[in-house]
């Protein structure tokens, strides 16, 4: 018998599969005080929460029998996932349960913005009759730009087509073939800005999307554009949005999410051309039932068949396999993070090759770790070791695994190749006995670089004084160089330089380096926090 504790307001009908299952006993305490929760958690195998209960490291330490923490929703901000992982507890959520709710809320905001419904309502109930003031525009034959063509963006596109809108879609993984099947036009971000009458955002909030809609991007927009954000606060720079509204570039904005929640930017909230809602994207009766049903089904699958689909972490790897593979897991993911930053685009094909001693190992987990590193650059922390292969398939990316007995000059060797059409980038790594992890090749260049958090990649012509000029600029900006490795194809030909730095350089320093004669490309590379 698995004992389940529910501590937040969660749909009763959504929990029905657990209530009716003979192997589960469910106790429910809405708004359980923390001291009471701490006192009883030791008796339970499964904890189900929404956003009210904080699942802290201390709480997890009081739960020796806990196997699963389930969040009946998308995020896991109120759960200490690291502590759960260290204690071997699986953390699951319901990533697909709110898709329709968020889609329909986006369409509601789109229509409200076009027809000025909230403002007209407020005016009318005050006794006014201002038909001319609240004249709107039609969606018919207008162009809708969708930034982010994941599940929600795709569903928005399908529904917007019923209004006979022209749909432009941007996503790093959107292919021409998929766009054609969806009946939309694949576009880049600038095209969406320049052509769209409406722009709606459906991306995760990651480093590359934070402030994506900023002042410079707004300046590229078609005058009179209307902007909708039901995704995540922070993707739109709210100060820049306000300036865009004031200047008239942006005719209106509909916001369900904010940089700070509850929002404190009252100047923006009270703008006459802005519509706001308090993060209601997933707030429907049906969505709440769906997320509860989703986590209930996942809990039953895990406990009965050990099938895991929606985990946001990975149970600890123990024993001999963990001891042998841990160094490769870390360098594999580091290799992937470096490769995707250098490639600077979403691949349509991934190839991973294992050589030498790795031929005899079970590399399934290692493959997942590498793919997680590649995908997380664009998909953020929605990617984990459990769902990496599923997300790769969902994005339409082909992957191939190759194993060879040859050792490529090393006792063990991993090689990752990323493809986009005819473009290709290849990076190779190894674990050197006594010396640790090394990046040993990038494309046809041989190097020897220990992965560190702050890296600088420079492609240049092999010419006298180049190293000194690079070093002088970094020194002038008080940037200390840890190591420098140079690889070249031929004397006087193309070469690359990889530097490990004590701190990250900023864009102006990179621009100064880029301006040097003989420099072809400068890229600031960064490994995620925790890598040293």
Protein backbone atom coordinates (compact mmCIF):
# COMPACT_ATOMS: atom_id res chain seq x y z
CA UNK A 1 0.00 0.00 0.00
CA UNK A 2 1.36 3.41 -1.03
CA UNK A 3 0.39 6.25 1.29
CA UNK A 4 -0.34 9.55 -0.49
CA UNK A 5 -0.55 12.96 1.18
CA UNK A 6 -2.31 15.87 -0.58
CA UNK A 7 -1.70 19.26 1.05
CA UNK A 8 -3.14 21.84 -1.37
CA UNK A 9 -6.44 22.57 -3.14
CA UNK A 10 -6.33 20.04 -5.97
CA UNK A 11 -9.22 18.81 -8.14
CA UNK A 12 -11.04 15.94 -6.43
CA UNK A 13 -12.05 14.40 -9.76
CA UNK A 14 -8.45 14.59 -10.92
CA UNK A 15 -7.35 12.58 -7.88
CA UNK A 16 -10.04 9.94 -8.44
CA UNK A 17 -7.65 7.38 -10.05
CA UNK A 18 -5.67 7.34 -6.78
CA UNK A 19 -8.74 7.22 -4.56
CA UNK A 20 -10.11 4.24 -6.50
CA UNK A 21 -6.83 2.32 -6.83
CA UNK A 22 -6.51 -0.56 -4.34
CA UNK A 23 -2.77 -0.01 -3.84
CA UNK A 24 -3.08 3.64 -2.78
CA UNK A 25 -4.38 5.26 0.37
CA UNK A 26 -4.92 9.05 0.08
CA UNK A 27 -5.04 11.54 2.95
CA UNK A 28 -5.97 15.12 2.15
CA UNK A 29 -5.33 18.20 4.29
CA UNK A 30 -5.90 21.53 2.55
CA UNK A 31 -3.81 24.38 3.99
CA UNK A 32 -1.91 22.12 6.36
CA UNK A 33 0.23 24.17 8.81
CA UNK A 34 3.99 23.58 8.33
CA UNK A 35 4.46 22.16 11.84
CA UNK A 36 1.70 19.61 11.24
CA UNK A 37 3.17 18.67 7.86
CA UNK A 38 6.60 18.16 9.43
CA UNK A 39 5.04 15.94 12.08
CA UNK A 40 3.27 13.54 9.70
CA UNK A 41 5.38 13.52 6.49
CA UNK A 42 7.47 10.55 7.70
CA UNK A 43 4.48 8.23 7.18
CA UNK A 44 4.01 8.93 3.44
CA UNK A 45 5.41 7.58 0.18
CA UNK A 46 3.96 10.29 -2.09
CA UNK A 47 3.38 14.03 -1.57
CA UNK A 48 1.11 15.98 -3.94
CA UNK A 49 1.17 19.79 -3.85
CA UNK A 50 0.38 22.84 -5.94
CA UNK A 51 2.00 26.19 -5.18
CA UNK A 52 0.97 26.79 -1.58
CA UNK A 53 3.09 24.11 0.10
CA UNK A 54 6.84 24.75 0.20
CA UNK A 55 8.68 21.44 -0.08
CA UNK A 56 11.97 22.38 1.53
CA UNK A 57 15.19 20.51 2.17
CA UNK A 58 14.21 20.29 5.84
CA UNK A 59 10.83 18.77 5.02
CA UNK A 60 12.37 16.20 2.67
CA UNK A 61 14.88 15.22 5.36
CA UNK A 62 11.92 14.34 7.63
CA UNK A 63 10.47 11.94 5.04
CA UNK A 64 12.51 8.70 4.97
CA UNK A 65 9.85 6.81 2.99
CA UNK A 66 9.09 9.51 0.44
CA UNK A 67 9.47 8.28 -3.14
CA UNK A 68 7.60 10.88 -5.20
CA UNK A 69 6.84 14.59 -4.93
CA UNK A 70 4.17 15.59 -7.45
CA UNK A 71 3.39 19.19 -8.42
CA UNK A 72 -0.10 19.44 -9.94
CA UNK A 73 1.01 22.14 -12.35
CA UNK A 74 3.89 23.15 -14.60
CA UNK A 75 6.53 24.79 -12.40
CA UNK A 76 8.38 23.37 -9.42
CA UNK A 77 9.56 26.65 -7.87
CA UNK A 78 8.21 25.67 -4.46
CA UNK A 79 10.09 22.35 -4.41
CA UNK A 80 13.76 21.90 -3.52
CA UNK A 81 14.50 19.65 -6.48
CA UNK A 82 18.19 19.30 -5.60
CA UNK A 83 17.38 18.07 -2.11
CA UNK A 84 14.82 15.65 -3.52
CA UNK A 85 17.34 14.30 -6.00
CA UNK A 86 20.01 13.84 -3.34
CA UNK A 87 17.48 11.87 -1.28
CA UNK A 88 16.47 9.71 -4.23
CA UNK A 89 13.00 11.26 -4.49
CA UNK A 90 11.44 11.62 -7.93
CA UNK A 91 9.89 15.04 -8.63
CA UNK A 92 7.16 15.08 -11.25
CA UNK A 93 4.88 17.76 -12.66
CA UNK A 94 2.15 18.07 -15.29
CA UNK A 95 3.72 19.85 -18.26
CA UNK A 96 0.85 19.35 -20.71
CA UNK A 97 -2.23 19.81 -18.55
CA UNK A 98 -2.59 23.56 -19.05
CA UNK A 99 -1.93 23.74 -22.81
CA UNK A 100 -5.53 24.36 -23.86
CA UNK A 101 -6.20 26.77 -20.98
CA UNK A 102 -3.14 28.88 -21.84
CA UNK A 103 -4.01 28.74 -25.54
CA UNK A 104 -7.56 29.92 -25.01
CA UNK A 105 -6.44 32.67 -22.63
CA UNK A 106 -4.05 33.91 -25.31
CA UNK A 107 -6.92 34.05 -27.83
CA UNK A 108 -9.10 35.84 -25.26
CA UNK A 109 -6.38 38.43 -24.75
CA UNK A 110 -5.90 38.74 -28.52
CA UNK A 111 -9.59 39.46 -29.10
CA UNK A 112 -9.89 41.74 -26.08
CA UNK A 113 -6.93 43.75 -27.31
CA UNK A 114 -8.29 44.02 -30.85
CA UNK A 115 -11.76 45.12 -29.73
CA UNK A 116 -10.81 47.04 -26.54
CA UNK A 117 -13.34 45.00 -24.58
CA UNK A 118 -12.11 45.55 -20.97
CA UNK A 119 -11.89 49.33 -21.36
CA UNK A 120 -15.24 49.51 -23.15
CA UNK A 121 -16.82 47.45 -20.37
CA UNK A 122 -15.49 49.73 -17.64
CA UNK A 123 -16.68 52.81 -19.51
CA UNK A 124 -20.15 51.43 -20.15
CA UNK A 125 -20.89 50.36 -16.56
CA UNK A 126 -19.98 53.90 -15.49
CA UNK A 127 -22.89 55.19 -17.60
CA UNK A 128 -20.90 56.23 -20.68
CA UNK A 129 -21.79 55.30 -24.26
CA UNK A 130 -18.52 55.84 -26.16
CA UNK A 131 -18.82 53.79 -29.33
CA UNK A 132 -16.39 55.86 -31.37
CA UNK A 133 -13.74 55.89 -28.65
CA UNK A 134 -13.63 52.10 -28.46
CA UNK A 135 -13.63 51.30 -32.16
CA UNK A 136 -11.46 48.20 -32.66
CA UNK A 137 -9.79 46.32 -35.50
CA UNK A 138 -10.52 42.95 -37.12
CA UNK A 139 -8.27 39.89 -36.97
CA UNK A 140 -9.31 38.91 -40.51
CA UNK A 141 -6.29 38.85 -42.85
CA UNK A 142 -4.04 40.42 -40.20
CA UNK A 143 -0.62 38.90 -39.59
CA UNK A 144 0.03 37.13 -36.27
CA UNK A 145 3.65 36.52 -35.31
CA UNK A 146 4.14 33.67 -32.83
CA UNK A 147 7.45 33.60 -30.98
CA UNK A 148 7.83 30.02 -29.72
CA UNK A 149 6.18 27.17 -31.59
CA UNK A 150 5.99 24.60 -28.80
CA UNK A 151 2.72 23.03 -27.69
CA UNK A 152 0.96 26.27 -26.76
CA UNK A 153 2.29 28.28 -29.72
CA UNK A 154 1.19 25.51 -32.08
CA UNK A 155 -2.32 25.42 -30.61
CA UNK A 156 -2.59 29.21 -30.84
CA UNK A 157 -1.63 29.02 -34.53
CA UNK A 158 -4.33 26.42 -35.23
CA UNK A 159 -7.03 28.56 -33.66
CA UNK A 160 -5.85 31.84 -35.17
CA UNK A 161 -6.20 30.25 -38.61
CA UNK A 162 -9.95 30.05 -38.05
CA UNK A 163 -9.95 33.87 -38.08
CA UNK A 164 -8.16 33.66 -41.45
CA UNK A 165 -5.08 35.33 -40.04
CA UNK A 166 -1.69 35.03 -41.73
CA UNK A 167 0.59 33.19 -39.28
CA UNK A 168 4.33 33.70 -38.95
CA UNK A 169 6.11 31.29 -36.59
CA UNK A 170 9.55 31.49 -35.02
CA UNK A 171 11.20 28.73 -33.02
CA UNK A 172 14.82 27.52 -33.03
CA UNK A 173 13.56 24.02 -33.84
CA UNK A 174 10.82 24.94 -36.33
CA UNK A 175 11.59 23.42 -39.74
CA UNK A 176 10.21 24.45 -43.11
CA UNK A 177 8.53 21.05 -43.38
CA UNK A 178 6.75 21.34 -40.00
CA UNK A 179 5.73 24.94 -40.74
CA UNK A 180 4.21 23.79 -44.03
CA UNK A 181 2.27 21.03 -42.29
CA UNK A 182 0.93 23.56 -39.78
CA UNK A 183 -0.09 25.91 -42.58
CA UNK A 184 2.12 28.74 -41.33
CA UNK A 185 5.19 30.60 -42.58
CA UNK A 186 8.54 30.03 -40.90
CA UNK A 187 10.10 33.38 -40.03
CA UNK A 188 12.99 34.82 -38.07
CA UNK A 189 12.58 37.24 -35.19
CA UNK A 190 13.23 40.33 -37.30
CA UNK A 191 10.64 39.29 -39.88
CA UNK A 192 8.07 38.81 -37.13
CA UNK A 193 8.84 42.31 -35.81
CA UNK A 194 8.68 43.98 -39.21
CA UNK A 195 5.57 42.28 -40.63
CA UNK A 196 3.27 41.30 -37.74
CA UNK A 197 0.14 43.19 -36.74
CA UNK A 198 -0.02 41.09 -33.56
CA UNK A 199 2.86 39.34 -31.76
CA UNK A 200 2.28 36.66 -29.12
CA UNK A 201 5.03 35.06 -27.03
CA UNK A 202 5.21 31.39 -26.06
CA UNK A 203 8.82 30.66 -25.09
CA UNK A 204 10.36 29.56 -21.78
CA UNK A 205 12.21 32.17 -19.74
CA UNK A 206 15.90 31.33 -20.22
CA UNK A 207 19.10 33.33 -20.60
CA UNK A 208 18.54 33.78 -24.34
CA UNK A 209 14.90 34.90 -23.98
CA UNK A 210 15.19 37.17 -20.94
CA UNK A 211 14.56 40.67 -22.28
CA UNK A 212 14.07 39.24 -25.77
CA UNK A 213 11.51 41.95 -26.51
CA UNK A 214 13.66 44.94 -25.59
CA UNK A 215 14.06 48.49 -26.80
CA UNK A 216 16.07 47.63 -29.90
CA UNK A 217 13.64 44.87 -30.90
CA UNK A 218 10.64 47.17 -30.41
CA UNK A 219 12.27 49.70 -32.74
CA UNK A 220 12.13 47.06 -35.49
CA UNK A 221 8.40 46.49 -35.04
CA UNK A 222 5.70 47.54 -37.47
CA UNK A 223 4.04 50.72 -36.22
CA UNK A 224 0.72 49.90 -34.60
CA UNK A 225 1.62 46.35 -33.56
CA UNK A 226 -0.19 44.76 -30.62
CA UNK A 227 1.76 42.49 -28.23
CA UNK A 228 0.47 39.60 -26.07
CA UNK A 229 2.45 37.78 -23.38
CA UNK A 230 0.86 34.82 -21.59
CA UNK A 231 4.16 32.94 -21.27
CA UNK A 232 6.62 34.22 -18.65
CA UNK A 233 7.36 37.61 -17.14
CA UNK A 234 10.80 38.91 -18.03
CA UNK A 235 10.71 37.96 -21.70
CA UNK A 236 9.42 41.47 -22.36
CA UNK A 237 11.42 44.38 -20.95
CA UNK A 238 8.55 46.26 -19.28
CA UNK A 239 10.31 49.63 -19.33
CA UNK A 240 10.95 49.26 -23.06
CA UNK A 241 7.35 48.15 -23.59
CA UNK A 242 6.09 51.28 -21.86
CA UNK A 243 8.31 53.45 -24.07
CA UNK A 244 7.01 51.60 -27.14
CA UNK A 245 3.44 52.33 -26.07
CA UNK A 246 4.23 55.97 -25.41
CA UNK A 247 5.91 56.41 -28.80
CA UNK A 248 3.02 54.79 -30.66
CA UNK A 249 5.07 51.95 -32.13
CA UNK A 250 3.02 49.57 -29.99
CA UNK A 251 -0.73 50.23 -30.23
CA UNK A 252 -1.60 47.92 -27.34
CA UNK A 253 -0.35 45.19 -25.04
CA UNK A 254 -2.11 42.34 -23.23
CA UNK A 255 -0.14 40.89 -20.32
CA UNK A 256 -0.90 37.90 -18.11
CA UNK A 257 2.64 37.64 -16.68
CA UNK A 258 5.08 40.16 -15.27
CA UNK A 259 8.72 40.62 -14.31
CA UNK A 260 7.59 40.86 -10.69
CA UNK A 261 4.41 39.18 -9.46
CA UNK A 262 2.25 40.70 -8.13
CA UNK A 263 3.35 43.55 -10.44
CA UNK A 264 4.37 46.92 -9.04
CA UNK A 265 4.85 48.76 -12.35
CA UNK A 266 1.62 50.75 -12.05
CA UNK A 267 2.63 53.18 -14.77
CA UNK A 268 2.49 50.28 -17.25
CA UNK A 269 -0.57 48.64 -15.66
CA UNK A 270 -2.59 51.86 -15.89
CA UNK A 271 -1.62 52.70 -19.46
CA UNK A 272 -4.83 53.21 -21.46
CA UNK A 273 -3.71 50.76 -24.15
CA UNK A 274 -2.78 47.91 -21.80
CA UNK A 275 -4.90 44.93 -20.71
CA UNK A 276 -3.73 42.87 -17.73
CA UNK A 277 -4.77 39.69 -15.92
CA UNK A 278 -3.22 38.12 -12.78
CA UNK A 279 -1.41 35.11 -14.31
CA UNK A 280 -4.63 33.31 -15.27
CA UNK A 281 -3.26 31.30 -18.20
CA UNK A 282 -3.78 27.93 -16.51
CA UNK A 283 -6.68 28.94 -14.28
CA UNK A 284 -9.61 26.93 -15.62
CA UNK A 285 -11.57 24.15 -13.92
CA UNK A 286 -10.64 21.81 -16.76
CA UNK A 287 -6.92 22.60 -16.59
CA UNK A 288 -6.84 22.00 -12.85
CA UNK A 289 -8.57 18.65 -13.35
CA UNK A 290 -6.18 17.72 -16.17
CA UNK A 291 -3.03 18.44 -14.17
CA UNK A 292 -4.39 16.40 -11.24
CA UNK A 293 -5.27 13.52 -13.57
CA UNK A 294 -1.83 13.77 -15.18
CA UNK A 295 0.10 13.51 -11.91
CA UNK A 296 -2.23 10.77 -10.63
CA UNK A 297 -1.55 8.66 -13.72
CA UNK A 298 2.17 9.31 -13.46
CA UNK A 299 2.26 8.29 -9.79
CA UNK A 300 0.48 5.02 -10.60
CA UNK A 301 2.87 4.32 -13.50
CA UNK A 302 5.95 4.92 -11.37
CA UNK A 303 4.76 2.80 -8.45
CA UNK A 304 3.42 -0.08 -10.55
CA UNK A 305 5.62 -0.30 -13.64
CA UNK A 306 8.57 2.03 -12.86
CA UNK A 307 7.70 3.98 -16.01
CA UNK A 308 8.67 7.65 -15.68
CA UNK A 309 7.52 10.27 -18.20
CA UNK A 310 7.31 13.65 -16.49
CA UNK A 311 10.14 13.69 -13.95
CA UNK A 312 12.01 16.96 -13.61
CA UNK A 313 14.93 15.25 -11.95
CA UNK A 314 16.62 11.87 -12.01
CA UNK A 315 16.90 9.39 -9.13
CA UNK A 316 20.43 8.99 -7.88
CA UNK A 317 22.71 6.67 -9.82
CA UNK A 318 24.39 4.36 -7.34
CA UNK A 319 26.97 1.65 -7.24
CA UNK A 320 29.68 0.70 -9.72
CA UNK A 321 28.04 2.28 -12.77
CA UNK A 322 27.88 5.66 -11.04
CA UNK A 323 31.54 5.44 -10.05
CA UNK A 324 32.66 4.62 -13.59
CA UNK A 325 30.40 6.95 -15.53
CA UNK A 326 30.23 10.08 -13.39
CA UNK A 327 33.28 11.80 -14.98
CA UNK A 328 31.91 11.08 -18.46
CA UNK A 329 28.44 12.36 -17.54
CA UNK A 330 29.91 15.70 -16.52
CA UNK A 331 32.28 16.17 -19.46
CA UNK A 332 29.57 14.94 -21.85
CA UNK A 333 27.13 17.64 -20.75
CA UNK A 334 29.89 20.27 -20.70
CA UNK A 335 30.85 19.28 -24.25
CA UNK A 336 27.22 19.70 -25.31
CA UNK A 337 26.89 23.14 -23.71
CA UNK A 338 30.04 24.34 -25.47
CA UNK A 339 29.02 22.81 -28.81
CA UNK A 340 25.54 24.36 -28.94
CA UNK A 341 26.93 27.79 -28.05
CA UNK A 342 29.54 27.53 -30.82
CA UNK A 343 26.98 26.22 -33.31
CA UNK A 344 24.62 29.06 -32.34
CA UNK A 345 21.51 27.51 -33.92
CA UNK A 346 19.11 24.66 -33.23
CA UNK A 347 20.40 21.47 -34.94
CA UNK A 348 18.23 19.24 -37.11
CA UNK A 349 20.55 16.25 -36.56
CA UNK A 350 22.78 15.12 -33.70
CA UNK A 351 25.41 12.40 -33.87
CA UNK A 352 27.23 11.05 -30.81
CA UNK A 353 30.18 8.69 -31.22
CA UNK A 354 31.88 6.64 -28.49
CA UNK A 355 35.35 5.16 -28.94
CA UNK A 356 37.77 2.93 -27.03
CA UNK A 357 36.83 1.84 -23.51
CA UNK A 358 33.37 3.42 -23.82
CA UNK A 359 32.49 0.74 -26.36
CA UNK A 360 31.90 -1.70 -23.49
CA UNK A 361 29.81 0.64 -21.31
CA UNK A 362 26.06 1.18 -21.11
CA UNK A 363 26.03 4.69 -22.58
CA UNK A 364 22.26 5.29 -22.51
CA UNK A 365 22.44 7.67 -19.56
CA UNK A 366 25.50 9.37 -21.07
CA UNK A 367 23.63 9.91 -24.33
CA UNK A 368 20.72 11.44 -22.45
CA UNK A 369 23.10 13.73 -20.56
CA UNK A 370 24.67 15.00 -23.80
CA UNK A 371 21.30 15.56 -25.48
CA UNK A 372 20.05 17.34 -22.34
CA UNK A 373 23.02 19.70 -22.62
CA UNK A 374 22.25 20.45 -26.27
CA UNK A 375 18.51 21.02 -25.82
CA UNK A 376 18.66 22.98 -22.56
CA UNK A 377 20.27 25.94 -24.38
CA UNK A 378 16.91 26.64 -26.06
CA UNK A 379 14.44 24.78 -23.84
CA UNK A 380 15.80 25.77 -20.41
CA UNK A 381 15.19 23.55 -17.38
CA UNK A 382 12.22 21.84 -19.00
CA UNK A 383 14.80 19.30 -20.25
CA UNK A 384 15.96 16.54 -17.93
CA UNK A 385 17.58 13.12 -18.20
CA UNK A 386 14.18 11.48 -18.29
CA UNK A 387 12.53 13.49 -21.06
CA UNK A 388 15.54 14.47 -23.20
CA UNK A 389 14.99 11.84 -25.92
CA UNK A 390 11.24 12.49 -25.96
CA UNK A 391 11.78 16.25 -26.40
CA UNK A 392 14.35 15.60 -29.12
CA UNK A 393 11.77 13.60 -31.05
CA UNK A 394 9.12 16.24 -30.37
CA UNK A 395 11.38 18.88 -31.91
CA UNK A 396 11.89 16.72 -34.98
CA UNK A 397 15.64 16.32 -34.44
CA UNK A 398 17.27 13.14 -35.77
CA UNK A 399 19.95 11.56 -33.60
CA UNK A 400 22.40 8.77 -34.26
CA UNK A 401 24.69 6.86 -31.91
CA UNK A 402 27.93 5.32 -33.16
CA UNK A 403 30.31 3.03 -31.28
CA UNK A 404 33.77 2.04 -32.52
CA UNK A 405 36.57 0.00 -31.03
CA UNK A 406 39.22 2.39 -32.40
CA UNK A 407 40.48 4.80 -29.78
CA UNK A 408 41.24 7.98 -31.82
CA UNK A 409 44.54 8.20 -29.96
CA UNK A 410 42.92 8.10 -26.49
CA UNK A 411 41.88 5.21 -24.27
CA UNK A 412 38.38 6.76 -24.24
CA UNK A 413 36.93 9.37 -26.57
CA UNK A 414 33.51 11.01 -27.14
CA UNK A 415 32.61 13.02 -30.18
CA UNK A 416 29.50 15.17 -30.67
CA UNK A 417 28.46 16.46 -34.09
CA UNK A 418 25.68 18.99 -34.65
CA UNK A 419 24.14 19.48 -38.09
CA UNK A 420 21.83 22.07 -39.62
CA UNK A 421 21.40 21.44 -43.33
CA UNK A 422 24.93 21.49 -44.73
CA UNK A 423 26.41 23.19 -41.66
CA UNK A 424 28.26 21.02 -39.14
CA UNK A 425 30.20 21.41 -35.92
CA UNK A 426 32.14 18.60 -34.25
CA UNK A 427 33.69 18.61 -30.79
CA UNK A 428 35.68 15.81 -29.11
CA UNK A 429 36.44 15.09 -25.45
CA UNK A 430 38.30 12.59 -23.33
CA UNK A 431 39.15 11.79 -19.72
CA UNK A 432 42.94 11.75 -19.34
CA UNK A 433 44.25 9.44 -16.63
CA UNK A 434 45.44 11.60 -13.74
CA UNK A 435 44.60 14.85 -15.53
CA UNK A 436 40.83 14.73 -15.84
CA UNK A 437 38.42 16.01 -18.47
CA UNK A 438 39.65 17.69 -21.64
CA UNK A 439 38.18 19.19 -24.80
CA UNK A 440 40.65 17.88 -27.38
CA UNK A 441 39.18 18.85 -30.73
CA UNK A 442 36.85 21.38 -32.34
CA UNK A 443 36.15 20.59 -35.99
CA UNK A 444 39.59 19.90 -37.52
CA UNK A 445 41.56 21.75 -34.85
CA UNK A 446 43.41 19.83 -32.12
CA UNK A 447 43.46 21.52 -28.71
CA UNK A 448 43.77 20.60 -25.02
CA UNK A 449 41.34 22.59 -22.87
CA UNK A 450 40.10 21.85 -19.38
CA UNK A 451 36.43 22.96 -19.29
CA UNK A 452 35.88 25.91 -16.97
CA UNK A 453 32.92 28.20 -16.36
CA UNK A 454 34.16 31.18 -18.40
CA UNK A 455 35.61 30.44 -21.83
CA UNK A 456 36.45 32.60 -24.82
CA UNK A 457 36.57 31.20 -28.37
CA UNK A 458 38.36 33.16 -31.08
CA UNK A 459 38.69 32.13 -34.73
CA UNK A 460 41.47 34.05 -36.45
CA UNK A 461 44.24 34.05 -39.02
CA UNK A 462 47.54 32.55 -37.87
CA UNK A 463 49.68 35.70 -37.89
CA UNK A 464 52.48 37.07 -35.69
CA UNK A 465 51.41 39.09 -32.65
CA UNK A 466 47.83 37.87 -32.55
CA UNK A 467 48.13 36.23 -29.13
CA UNK A 468 49.79 39.32 -27.69
CA UNK A 469 47.12 41.69 -29.01
CA UNK A 470 44.34 39.54 -27.56
CA UNK A 471 46.13 39.33 -24.23
CA UNK A 472 46.70 43.09 -24.11
CA UNK A 473 43.01 43.91 -24.62
CA UNK A 474 41.96 41.47 -21.91
CA UNK A 475 44.64 42.84 -19.59
CA UNK A 476 43.49 46.41 -20.21
CA UNK A 477 40.04 45.36 -18.99
CA UNK A 478 41.47 43.55 -15.94
CA UNK A 479 40.47 40.13 -17.25
CA UNK A 480 42.89 37.44 -16.10
CA UNK A 481 43.65 34.53 -18.45
CA UNK A 482 43.82 31.10 -16.82
CA UNK A 483 44.97 29.11 -19.84
CA UNK A 484 45.25 29.64 -23.59
CA UNK A 485 45.22 26.94 -26.25
CA UNK A 486 45.79 27.50 -29.96
CA UNK A 487 45.00 25.13 -32.81
CA UNK A 488 45.73 25.81 -36.46
CA UNK A 489 45.16 24.13 -39.80
CA UNK A 490 48.41 25.34 -41.39
CA UNK A 491 51.06 28.00 -40.85
CA UNK A 492 49.52 31.32 -41.84
CA UNK A 493 46.09 29.75 -42.29
CA UNK A 494 42.96 29.71 -40.16
CA UNK A 495 43.41 29.03 -36.44
CA UNK A 496 41.38 28.99 -33.25
CA UNK A 497 42.20 30.20 -29.77
CA UNK A 498 40.44 28.95 -26.62
CA UNK A 499 41.01 30.87 -23.38
CA UNK A 500 39.82 30.09 -19.87
CA UNK A 501 39.12 33.31 -17.97
CA UNK A 502 38.69 34.18 -14.31
CA UNK A 503 35.51 36.12 -15.09
CA UNK A 504 33.07 36.63 -17.91
CA UNK A 505 33.88 39.42 -20.35
CA UNK A 506 31.15 41.78 -21.49
CA UNK A 507 29.99 42.54 -25.02
CA UNK A 508 32.11 45.72 -25.50
CA UNK A 509 35.30 43.77 -24.78
CA UNK A 510 34.24 41.08 -27.27
CA UNK A 511 33.53 43.81 -29.85
CA UNK A 512 36.98 45.29 -29.31
CA UNK A 513 38.55 41.88 -29.88
CA UNK A 514 36.36 41.34 -32.95
CA UNK A 515 37.67 44.59 -34.46
CA UNK A 516 41.28 43.35 -34.48
CA UNK A 517 42.74 42.69 -37.92
CA UNK A 518 42.74 38.96 -38.61
CA UNK A 519 39.97 38.10 -36.14
CA UNK A 520 37.09 36.25 -37.84
CA UNK A 521 34.86 35.40 -34.91
CA UNK A 522 34.71 35.96 -31.14
CA UNK A 523 32.32 33.99 -28.95
CA UNK A 524 31.81 34.22 -25.19
CA UNK A 525 31.13 30.72 -23.87
CA UNK A 526 29.78 29.93 -20.44
CA UNK A 527 29.12 26.67 -18.64
CA UNK A 528 26.13 26.50 -16.27
CA UNK A 529 26.56 27.27 -12.60
CA UNK A 530 28.18 24.39 -10.75
CA UNK A 531 30.83 23.69 -13.37
CA UNK A 532 34.30 24.87 -12.40
